[in-house]
Amino acid sequence: MHPSIRARRNCVAALHARSILATADFYAKIGRPAPTQEIRFQVVTKAKAYHIVELATGKTKGFCFSYRAAVNFAQALEAAATRKLVGRQ
């Protein structure tokens, strides 16, 4: 990768981390919980398949060859994750 592109990506990553910390500080000052990430899975096109990627880890949880099937699979994974969280609370 070109050094200027790498430097730009590092700068953007640092700014993103700083914005996350600033948001958490803001919510702590007003006494409210910080917002959480609501979407856990994302459908990504790779070659001729659609991969379902977990956003928290970046790992591929599955793949499908039609977009509609991939979206349905991602929604099923989302529902399963929600059911697991509801049981723990």
PDB file of N, CA and C in Angstrom:
ATOM      1  N   MET A   1       0.846  -1.173   0.000  1.00  0.00           N
ATOM      2  CA  MET A   1       0.000   0.000   0.000  1.00  0.00           C
ATOM      3  C   MET A   1       0.894   1.240   0.000  1.00  0.00           C
ATOM      4  N   HIS A   2       0.474   2.245  -0.700  1.00  0.00           N
ATOM      5  CA  HIS A   2       1.238   3.483  -0.801  1.00  0.00           C
ATOM      6  C   HIS A   2       1.309   4.156   0.574  1.00  0.00           C
ATOM      7  N   PRO A   3       2.471   4.726   0.942  1.00  0.00           N
ATOM      8  CA  PRO A   3       2.623   5.335   2.265  1.00  0.00           C
ATOM      9  C   PRO A   3       1.613   6.445   2.568  1.00  0.00           C
ATOM     10  N   SER A   4       1.249   7.235   1.564  1.00  0.00           N
ATOM     11  CA  SER A   4       0.288   8.313   1.836  1.00  0.00           C
ATOM     12  C   SER A   4      -1.110   7.756   2.113  1.00  0.00           C
ATOM     13  N   ILE A   5      -1.466   6.684   1.436  1.00  0.00           N
ATOM     14  CA  ILE A   5      -2.768   6.049   1.706  1.00  0.00           C
ATOM     15  C   ILE A   5      -2.761   5.425   3.092  1.00  0.00           C
ATOM     16  N   ARG A   6      -1.658   4.763   3.458  1.00  0.00           N
ATOM     17  CA  ARG A   6      -1.555   4.154   4.781  1.00  0.00           C
ATOM     18  C   ARG A   6      -1.640   5.219   5.871  1.00  0.00           C
ATOM     19  N   ALA A   7      -0.970   6.350   5.667  1.00  0.00           N
ATOM     20  CA  ALA A   7      -1.013   7.439   6.646  1.00  0.00           C
ATOM     21  C   ALA A   7      -2.431   7.996   6.770  1.00  0.00           C
ATOM     22  N   ARG A   8      -3.115   8.129   5.655  1.00  0.00           N
ATOM     23  CA  ARG A   8      -4.495   8.630   5.671  1.00  0.00           C
ATOM     24  C   ARG A   8      -5.413   7.661   6.414  1.00  0.00           C
ATOM     25  N   ARG A   9      -5.255   6.365   6.159  1.00  0.00           N
ATOM     26  CA  ARG A   9      -6.083   5.374   6.852  1.00  0.00           C
ATOM     27  C   ARG A   9      -5.813   5.376   8.349  1.00  0.00           C
ATOM     28  N   ASN A  10      -4.547   5.516   8.743  1.00  0.00           N
ATOM     29  CA  ASN A  10      -4.210   5.580  10.167  1.00  0.00           C
ATOM     30  C   ASN A  10      -4.833   6.813  10.812  1.00  0.00           C
ATOM     31  N   CYS A  11      -4.801   7.926  10.106  1.00  0.00           N
ATOM     32  CA  CYS A  11      -5.388   9.171  10.617  1.00  0.00           C
ATOM     33  C   CYS A  11      -6.900   9.025  10.782  1.00  0.00           C
ATOM     34  N   VAL A  12      -7.560   8.455   9.798  1.00  0.00           N
ATOM     35  CA  VAL A  12      -9.006   8.266   9.874  1.00  0.00           C
ATOM     36  C   VAL A  12      -9.363   7.296  10.998  1.00  0.00           C
ATOM     37  N   ALA A  13      -8.578   6.247  11.182  1.00  0.00           N
ATOM     38  CA  ALA A  13      -8.830   5.294  12.263  1.00  0.00           C
ATOM     39  C   ALA A  13      -8.680   5.969  13.629  1.00  0.00           C
ATOM     40  N   ALA A  14      -7.669   6.821  13.771  1.00  0.00           N
ATOM     41  CA  ALA A  14      -7.471   7.539  15.029  1.00  0.00           C
ATOM     42  C   ALA A  14      -8.625   8.509  15.291  1.00  0.00           C
ATOM     43  N   LEU A  15      -9.082   9.197  14.258  1.00  0.00           N
ATOM     44  CA  LEU A  15     -10.220  10.107  14.421  1.00  0.00           C
ATOM     45  C   LEU A  15     -11.495   9.349  14.781  1.00  0.00           C
ATOM     46  N   HIS A  16     -11.688   8.182  14.196  1.00  0.00           N
ATOM     47  CA  HIS A  16     -12.861   7.375  14.511  1.00  0.00           C
ATOM     48  C   HIS A  16     -12.833   6.921  15.973  1.00  0.00           C
ATOM     49  N   ALA A  17     -11.674   6.461  16.432  1.00  0.00           N
ATOM     50  CA  ALA A  17     -11.544   6.043  17.834  1.00  0.00           C
ATOM     51  C   ALA A  17     -11.794   7.220  18.769  1.00  0.00           C
ATOM     52  N   ARG A  18     -11.278   8.383  18.406  1.00  0.00           N
ATOM     53  CA  ARG A  18     -11.490   9.576  19.231  1.00  0.00           C
ATOM     54  C   ARG A  18     -12.966   9.974  19.271  1.00  0.00           C
ATOM     55  N   SER A  19     -13.667   9.838  18.149  1.00  0.00           N
ATOM     56  CA  SER A  19     -15.094  10.180  18.131  1.00  0.00           C
ATOM     57  C   SER A  19     -15.901   9.219  19.004  1.00  0.00           C
ATOM     58  N   ILE A  20     -15.511   7.965  19.035  1.00  0.00           N
ATOM     59  CA  ILE A  20     -16.197   6.996  19.897  1.00  0.00           C
ATOM     60  C   ILE A  20     -16.002   7.362  21.365  1.00  0.00           C
ATOM     61  N   LEU A  21     -14.778   7.728  21.734  1.00  0.00           N
ATOM     62  CA  LEU A  21     -14.509   8.130  23.115  1.00  0.00           C
ATOM     63  C   LEU A  21     -15.249   9.414  23.480  1.00  0.00           C
ATOM     64  N   ALA A  22     -15.296  10.364  22.561  1.00  0.00           N
ATOM     65  CA  ALA A  22     -15.998  11.617  22.823  1.00  0.00           C
ATOM     66  C   ALA A  22     -17.496  11.372  23.001  1.00  0.00           C
ATOM     67  N   THR A  23     -18.053  10.481  22.205  1.00  0.00           N
ATOM     68  CA  THR A  23     -19.470  10.155  22.344  1.00  0.00           C
ATOM     69  C   THR A  23     -19.737   9.504  23.697  1.00  0.00           C
ATOM     70  N   ALA A  24     -18.883   8.594  24.110  1.00  0.00           N
ATOM     71  CA  ALA A  24     -19.053   7.942  25.410  1.00  0.00           C
ATOM     72  C   ALA A  24     -18.940   8.963  26.545  1.00  0.00           C
ATOM     73  N   ASP A  25     -17.994   9.893  26.444  1.00  0.00           N
ATOM     74  CA  ASP A  25     -17.855  10.941  27.461  1.00  0.00           C
ATOM     75  C   ASP A  25     -19.093  11.828  27.521  1.00  0.00           C
ATOM     76  N   PHE A  26     -19.626  12.181  26.364  1.00  0.00           N
ATOM     77  CA  PHE A  26     -20.826  13.012  26.318  1.00  0.00           C
ATOM     78  C   PHE A  26     -21.987  12.330  27.027  1.00  0.00           C
ATOM     79  N   TYR A  27     -22.224  11.069  26.713  1.00  0.00           N
ATOM     80  CA  TYR A  27     -23.331  10.362  27.344  1.00  0.00           C
ATOM     81  C   TYR A  27     -23.099  10.168  28.836  1.00  0.00           C
ATOM     82  N   ALA A  28     -21.844  10.004  29.255  1.00  0.00           N
ATOM     83  CA  ALA A  28     -21.549   9.890  30.685  1.00  0.00           C
ATOM     84  C   ALA A  28     -21.865  11.202  31.404  1.00  0.00           C
ATOM     85  N   LYS A  29     -21.601  12.336  30.763  1.00  0.00           N
ATOM     86  CA  LYS A  29     -21.878  13.637  31.375  1.00  0.00           C
ATOM     87  C   LYS A  29     -23.368  13.890  31.569  1.00  0.00           C
ATOM     88  N   ILE A  30     -24.198  13.399  30.634  1.00  0.00           N
ATOM     89  CA  ILE A  30     -25.630  13.648  30.781  1.00  0.00           C
ATOM     90  C   ILE A  30     -26.332  12.497  31.514  1.00  0.00           C
ATOM     91  N   GLY A  31     -25.573  11.495  31.912  1.00  0.00           N
ATOM     92  CA  GLY A  31     -26.132  10.425  32.719  1.00  0.00           C
ATOM     93  C   GLY A  31     -26.978   9.414  31.961  1.00  0.00           C
ATOM     94  N   ARG A  32     -26.739   9.262  30.703  1.00  0.00           N
ATOM     95  CA  ARG A  32     -27.496   8.298  29.911  1.00  0.00           C
ATOM     96  C   ARG A  32     -26.531   7.249  29.354  1.00  0.00           C
ATOM     97  N   PRO A  33     -27.024   6.055  29.096  1.00  0.00           N
ATOM     98  CA  PRO A  33     -26.143   5.028  28.520  1.00  0.00           C
ATOM     99  C   PRO A  33     -25.801   5.358  27.071  1.00  0.00           C
ATOM    100  N   ALA A  34     -24.597   5.028  26.688  1.00  0.00           N
ATOM    101  CA  ALA A  34     -24.152   5.279  25.307  1.00  0.00           C
ATOM    102  C   ALA A  34     -24.925   4.377  24.350  1.00  0.00           C
ATOM    103  N   PRO A  35     -25.198   4.839  23.136  1.00  0.00           N
ATOM    104  CA  PRO A  35     -25.920   4.000  22.177  1.00  0.00           C
ATOM    105  C   PRO A  35     -25.094   2.784  21.783  1.00  0.00           C
ATOM    106  N   THR A  36     -25.776   1.698  21.535  1.00  0.00           N
ATOM    107  CA  THR A  36     -25.092   0.471  21.142  1.00  0.00           C
ATOM    108  C   THR A  36     -25.322   0.222  19.660  1.00  0.00           C
ATOM    109  N   GLN A  37     -24.478  -0.601  19.100  1.00  0.00           N
ATOM    110  CA  GLN A  37     -24.612  -0.947  17.693  1.00  0.00           C
ATOM    111  C   GLN A  37     -25.800  -1.892  17.547  1.00  0.00           C
ATOM    112  N   GLU A  38     -26.761  -1.529  16.728  1.00  0.00           N
ATOM    113  CA  GLU A  38     -27.974  -2.321  16.600  1.00  0.00           C
ATOM    114  C   GLU A  38     -27.857  -3.416  15.550  1.00  0.00           C
ATOM    115  N   ILE A  39     -27.075  -3.208  14.527  1.00  0.00           N
ATOM    116  CA  ILE A  39     -26.940  -4.197  13.458  1.00  0.00           C
ATOM    117  C   ILE A  39     -25.734  -5.068  13.761  1.00  0.00           C
ATOM    118  N   ARG A  40     -25.937  -6.379  13.787  1.00  0.00           N
ATOM    119  CA  ARG A  40     -24.846  -7.290  14.092  1.00  0.00           C
ATOM    120  C   ARG A  40     -24.252  -7.929  12.849  1.00  0.00           C
ATOM    121  N   PHE A  41     -25.078  -8.120  11.812  1.00  0.00           N
ATOM    122  CA  PHE A  41     -24.647  -8.840  10.620  1.00  0.00           C
ATOM    123  C   PHE A  41     -24.875  -7.996   9.373  1.00  0.00           C
ATOM    124  N   GLN A  42     -23.964  -8.130   8.409  1.00  0.00           N
ATOM    125  CA  GLN A  42     -24.046  -7.360   7.171  1.00  0.00           C
ATOM    126  C   GLN A  42     -23.828  -8.298   5.995  1.00  0.00           C
ATOM    127  N   VAL A  43     -24.585  -8.060   4.922  1.00  0.00           N
ATOM    128  CA  VAL A  43     -24.437  -8.843   3.702  1.00  0.00           C
ATOM    129  C   VAL A  43     -23.434  -8.131   2.796  1.00  0.00           C
ATOM    130  N   VAL A  44     -22.387  -8.857   2.395  1.00  0.00           N
ATOM    131  CA  VAL A  44     -21.306  -8.291   1.583  1.00  0.00           C
ATOM    132  C   VAL A  44     -21.143  -9.133   0.321  1.00  0.00           C
ATOM    133  N   THR A  45     -21.007  -8.478  -0.827  1.00  0.00           N
ATOM    134  CA  THR A  45     -20.807  -9.189  -2.086  1.00  0.00           C
ATOM    135  C   THR A  45     -19.334  -9.540  -2.244  1.00  0.00           C
ATOM    136  N   LYS A  46     -19.050 -10.817  -2.482  1.00  0.00           N
ATOM    137  CA  LYS A  46     -17.687 -11.276  -2.749  1.00  0.00           C
ATOM    138  C   LYS A  46     -17.758 -12.273  -3.894  1.00  0.00           C
ATOM    139  N   ALA A  47     -17.162 -11.899  -5.012  1.00  0.00           N
ATOM    140  CA  ALA A  47     -17.190 -12.704  -6.244  1.00  0.00           C
ATOM    141  C   ALA A  47     -18.634 -12.942  -6.662  1.00  0.00           C
ATOM    142  N   LYS A  48     -19.059 -14.206  -6.742  1.00  0.00           N
ATOM    143  CA  LYS A  48     -20.429 -14.499  -7.168  1.00  0.00           C
ATOM    144  C   LYS A  48     -21.319 -14.896  -5.995  1.00  0.00           C
ATOM    145  N   ALA A  49     -20.854 -14.681  -4.779  1.00  0.00           N
ATOM    146  CA  ALA A  49     -21.611 -15.059  -3.589  1.00  0.00           C
ATOM    147  C   ALA A  49     -21.832 -13.845  -2.695  1.00  0.00           C
ATOM    148  N   TYR A  50     -22.762 -13.973  -1.790  1.00  0.00           N
ATOM    149  CA  TYR A  50     -23.044 -12.945  -0.798  1.00  0.00           C
ATOM    150  C   TYR A  50     -22.662 -13.506   0.566  1.00  0.00           C
ATOM    151  N   HIS A  51     -21.685 -12.882   1.205  1.00  0.00           N
ATOM    152  CA  HIS A  51     -21.227 -13.336   2.506  1.00  0.00           C
ATOM    153  C   HIS A  51     -21.959 -12.586   3.600  1.00  0.00           C
ATOM    154  N   ILE A  52     -22.296 -13.284   4.678  1.00  0.00           N
ATOM    155  CA  ILE A  52     -22.904 -12.668   5.844  1.00  0.00           C
ATOM    156  C   ILE A  52     -21.782 -12.509   6.868  1.00  0.00           C
ATOM    157  N   VAL A  53     -21.437 -11.248   7.173  1.00  0.00           N
ATOM    158  CA  VAL A  53     -20.291 -10.934   8.019  1.00  0.00           C
ATOM    159  C   VAL A  53     -20.782 -10.369   9.338  1.00  0.00           C
ATOM    160  N   GLU A  54     -20.220 -10.883  10.444  1.00  0.00           N
ATOM    161  CA  GLU A  54     -20.515 -10.337  11.758  1.00  0.00           C
ATOM    162  C   GLU A  54     -19.681  -9.068  11.928  1.00  0.00           C
ATOM    163  N   LEU A  55     -20.342  -7.941  12.192  1.00  0.00           N
ATOM    164  CA  LEU A  55     -19.643  -6.654  12.237  1.00  0.00           C
ATOM    165  C   LEU A  55     -18.709  -6.537  13.436  1.00  0.00           C
ATOM    166  N   ALA A  56     -19.043  -7.165  14.548  1.00  0.00           N
ATOM    167  CA  ALA A  56     -18.213  -7.040  15.744  1.00  0.00           C
ATOM    168  C   ALA A  56     -16.854  -7.713  15.566  1.00  0.00           C
ATOM    169  N   THR A  57     -16.818  -8.857  14.872  1.00  0.00           N
ATOM    170  CA  THR A  57     -15.574  -9.607  14.735  1.00  0.00           C
ATOM    171  C   THR A  57     -14.988  -9.559  13.332  1.00  0.00           C
ATOM    172  N   GLY A  58     -15.827  -9.262  12.338  1.00  0.00           N
ATOM    173  CA  GLY A  58     -15.359  -9.253  10.961  1.00  0.00           C
ATOM    174  C   GLY A  58     -15.313 -10.634  10.333  1.00  0.00           C
ATOM    175  N   LYS A  59     -15.830 -11.653  11.034  1.00  0.00           N
ATOM    176  CA  LYS A  59     -15.798 -13.024  10.529  1.00  0.00           C
ATOM    177  C   LYS A  59     -17.034 -13.314   9.684  1.00  0.00           C
ATOM    178  N   THR A  60     -16.833 -14.140   8.670  1.00  0.00           N
ATOM    179  CA  THR A  60     -17.932 -14.563   7.815  1.00  0.00           C
ATOM    180  C   THR A  60     -18.684 -15.687   8.510  1.00  0.00           C
ATOM    181  N   LYS A  61     -19.991 -15.510   8.671  1.00  0.00           N
ATOM    182  CA  LYS A  61     -20.817 -16.510   9.332  1.00  0.00           C
ATOM    183  C   LYS A  61     -21.477 -17.459   8.345  1.00  0.00           C
ATOM    184  N   GLY A  62     -21.522 -17.092   7.081  1.00  0.00           N
ATOM    185  CA  GLY A  62     -22.109 -17.947   6.060  1.00  0.00           C
ATOM    186  C   GLY A  62     -22.127 -17.226   4.738  1.00  0.00           C
ATOM    187  N   PHE A  63     -22.590 -17.929   3.709  1.00  0.00           N
ATOM    188  CA  PHE A  63     -22.702 -17.290   2.402  1.00  0.00           C
ATOM    189  C   PHE A  63     -23.850 -17.919   1.631  1.00  0.00           C
ATOM    190  N   CYS A  64     -24.391 -17.160   0.705  1.00  0.00           N
ATOM    191  CA  CYS A  64     -25.484 -17.604  -0.158  1.00  0.00           C
ATOM    192  C   CYS A  64     -25.191 -17.106  -1.571  1.00  0.00           C
ATOM    193  N   PHE A  65     -25.884 -17.709  -2.535  1.00  0.00           N
ATOM    194  CA  PHE A  65     -25.674 -17.305  -3.919  1.00  0.00           C
ATOM    195  C   PHE A  65     -26.780 -16.419  -4.456  1.00  0.00           C
ATOM    196  N   SER A  66     -27.793 -16.142  -3.641  1.00  0.00           N
ATOM    197  CA  SER A  66     -28.803 -15.160  -4.033  1.00  0.00           C
ATOM    198  C   SER A  66     -28.898 -14.110  -2.927  1.00  0.00           C
ATOM    199  N   TYR A  67     -29.151 -12.882  -3.331  1.00  0.00           N
ATOM    200  CA  TYR A  67     -29.196 -11.780  -2.374  1.00  0.00           C
ATOM    201  C   TYR A  67     -30.329 -11.967  -1.376  1.00  0.00           C
ATOM    202  N   ARG A  68     -31.500 -12.371  -1.841  1.00  0.00           N
ATOM    203  CA  ARG A  68     -32.660 -12.527  -0.976  1.00  0.00           C
ATOM    204  C   ARG A  68     -32.396 -13.590   0.095  1.00  0.00           C
ATOM    205  N   ALA A  69     -31.761 -14.703  -0.301  1.00  0.00           N
ATOM    206  CA  ALA A  69     -31.432 -15.759   0.658  1.00  0.00           C
ATOM    207  C   ALA A  69     -30.413 -15.255   1.684  1.00  0.00           C
ATOM    208  N   ALA A  70     -29.459 -14.444   1.244  1.00  0.00           N
ATOM    209  CA  ALA A  70     -28.451 -13.901   2.156  1.00  0.00           C
ATOM    210  C   ALA A  70     -29.089 -12.954   3.167  1.00  0.00           C
ATOM    211  N   VAL A  71     -30.008 -12.115   2.709  1.00  0.00           N
ATOM    212  CA  VAL A  71     -30.687 -11.194   3.617  1.00  0.00           C
ATOM    213  C   VAL A  71     -31.534 -11.974   4.626  1.00  0.00           C
ATOM    214  N   ASN A  72     -32.236 -12.998   4.156  1.00  0.00           N
ATOM    215  CA  ASN A  72     -33.039 -13.820   5.063  1.00  0.00           C
ATOM    216  C   ASN A  72     -32.159 -14.517   6.099  1.00  0.00           C
ATOM    217  N   PHE A  73     -30.997 -15.004   5.666  1.00  0.00           N
ATOM    218  CA  PHE A  73     -30.077 -15.663   6.578  1.00  0.00           C
ATOM    219  C   PHE A  73     -29.534 -14.673   7.612  1.00  0.00           C
ATOM    220  N   ALA A  74     -29.192 -13.473   7.174  1.00  0.00           N
ATOM    221  CA  ALA A  74     -28.702 -12.447   8.099  1.00  0.00           C
ATOM    222  C   ALA A  74     -29.785 -12.078   9.116  1.00  0.00           C
ATOM    223  N   GLN A  75     -31.026 -11.980   8.664  1.00  0.00           N
ATOM    224  CA  GLN A  75     -32.127 -11.680   9.589  1.00  0.00           C
ATOM    225  C   GLN A  75     -32.337 -12.815  10.570  1.00  0.00           C
ATOM    226  N   ALA A  76     -32.183 -14.045  10.129  1.00  0.00           N
ATOM    227  CA  ALA A  76     -32.312 -15.188  11.037  1.00  0.00           C
ATOM    228  C   ALA A  76     -31.203 -15.179  12.089  1.00  0.00           C
ATOM    229  N   LEU A  77     -29.975 -14.866  11.671  1.00  0.00           N
ATOM    230  CA  LEU A  77     -28.872 -14.769  12.634  1.00  0.00           C
ATOM    231  C   LEU A  77     -29.120 -13.642  13.630  1.00  0.00           C
ATOM    232  N   GLU A  78     -29.649 -12.529  13.136  1.00  0.00           N
ATOM    233  CA  GLU A  78     -29.963 -11.384  13.994  1.00  0.00           C
ATOM    234  C   GLU A  78     -31.017 -11.767  15.029  1.00  0.00           C
ATOM    235  N   ALA A  79     -32.054 -12.468  14.593  1.00  0.00           N
ATOM    236  CA  ALA A  79     -33.117 -12.890  15.504  1.00  0.00           C
ATOM    237  C   ALA A  79     -32.589 -13.878  16.542  1.00  0.00           C
ATOM    238  N   ALA A  80     -31.720 -14.785  16.109  1.00  0.00           N
ATOM    239  CA  ALA A  80     -31.141 -15.751  17.046  1.00  0.00           C
ATOM    240  C   ALA A  80     -30.277 -15.042  18.084  1.00  0.00           C
ATOM    241  N   ALA A  81     -29.502 -14.065  17.663  1.00  0.00           N
ATOM    242  CA  ALA A  81     -28.663 -13.313  18.606  1.00  0.00           C
ATOM    243  C   ALA A  81     -29.518 -12.529  19.580  1.00  0.00           C
ATOM    244  N   THR A  82     -30.628 -11.976  19.112  1.00  0.00           N
ATOM    245  CA  THR A  82     -31.533 -11.229  19.996  1.00  0.00           C
ATOM    246  C   THR A  82     -32.166 -12.158  21.016  1.00  0.00           C
ATOM    247  N   ARG A  83     -32.560 -13.351  20.590  1.00  0.00           N
ATOM    248  CA  ARG A  83     -33.154 -14.318  21.527  1.00  0.00           C
ATOM    249  C   ARG A  83     -32.154 -14.696  22.609  1.00  0.00           C
ATOM    250  N   LYS A  84     -30.894 -14.861  22.252  1.00  0.00           N
ATOM    251  CA  LYS A  84     -29.873 -15.207  23.235  1.00  0.00           C
ATOM    252  C   LYS A  84     -29.679 -14.086  24.239  1.00  0.00           C
ATOM    253  N   LEU A  85     -29.693 -12.844  23.774  1.00  0.00           N
ATOM    254  CA  LEU A  85     -29.502 -11.703  24.672  1.00  0.00           C
ATOM    255  C   LEU A  85     -30.698 -11.531  25.604  1.00  0.00           C
ATOM    256  N   VAL A  86     -31.896 -11.772  25.113  1.00  0.00           N
ATOM    257  CA  VAL A  86     -33.085 -11.622  25.942  1.00  0.00           C
ATOM    258  C   VAL A  86     -33.059 -12.629  27.085  1.00  0.00           C
ATOM    259  N   GLY A  87     -32.590 -13.830  26.839  1.00  0.00           N
ATOM    260  CA  GLY A  87     -32.525 -14.849  27.883  1.00  0.00           C
ATOM    261  C   GLY A  87     -31.552 -14.509  28.998  1.00  0.00           C
ATOM    262  N   ARG A  88     -30.504 -13.761  28.706  1.00  0.00           N
ATOM    263  CA  ARG A  88     -29.478 -13.427  29.702  1.00  0.00           C
ATOM    264  C   ARG A  88     -29.862 -12.241  30.583  1.00  0.00           C
ATOM    265  N   GLN A  89     -30.786 -11.432  30.148  1.00  0.00           N
ATOM    266  CA  GLN A  89     -31.073 -10.206  30.905  1.00  0.00           C
ATOM    267  C   GLN A  89     -31.942 -10.460  32.083  1.00  0.00           C
TER     268      GLN A  89
END
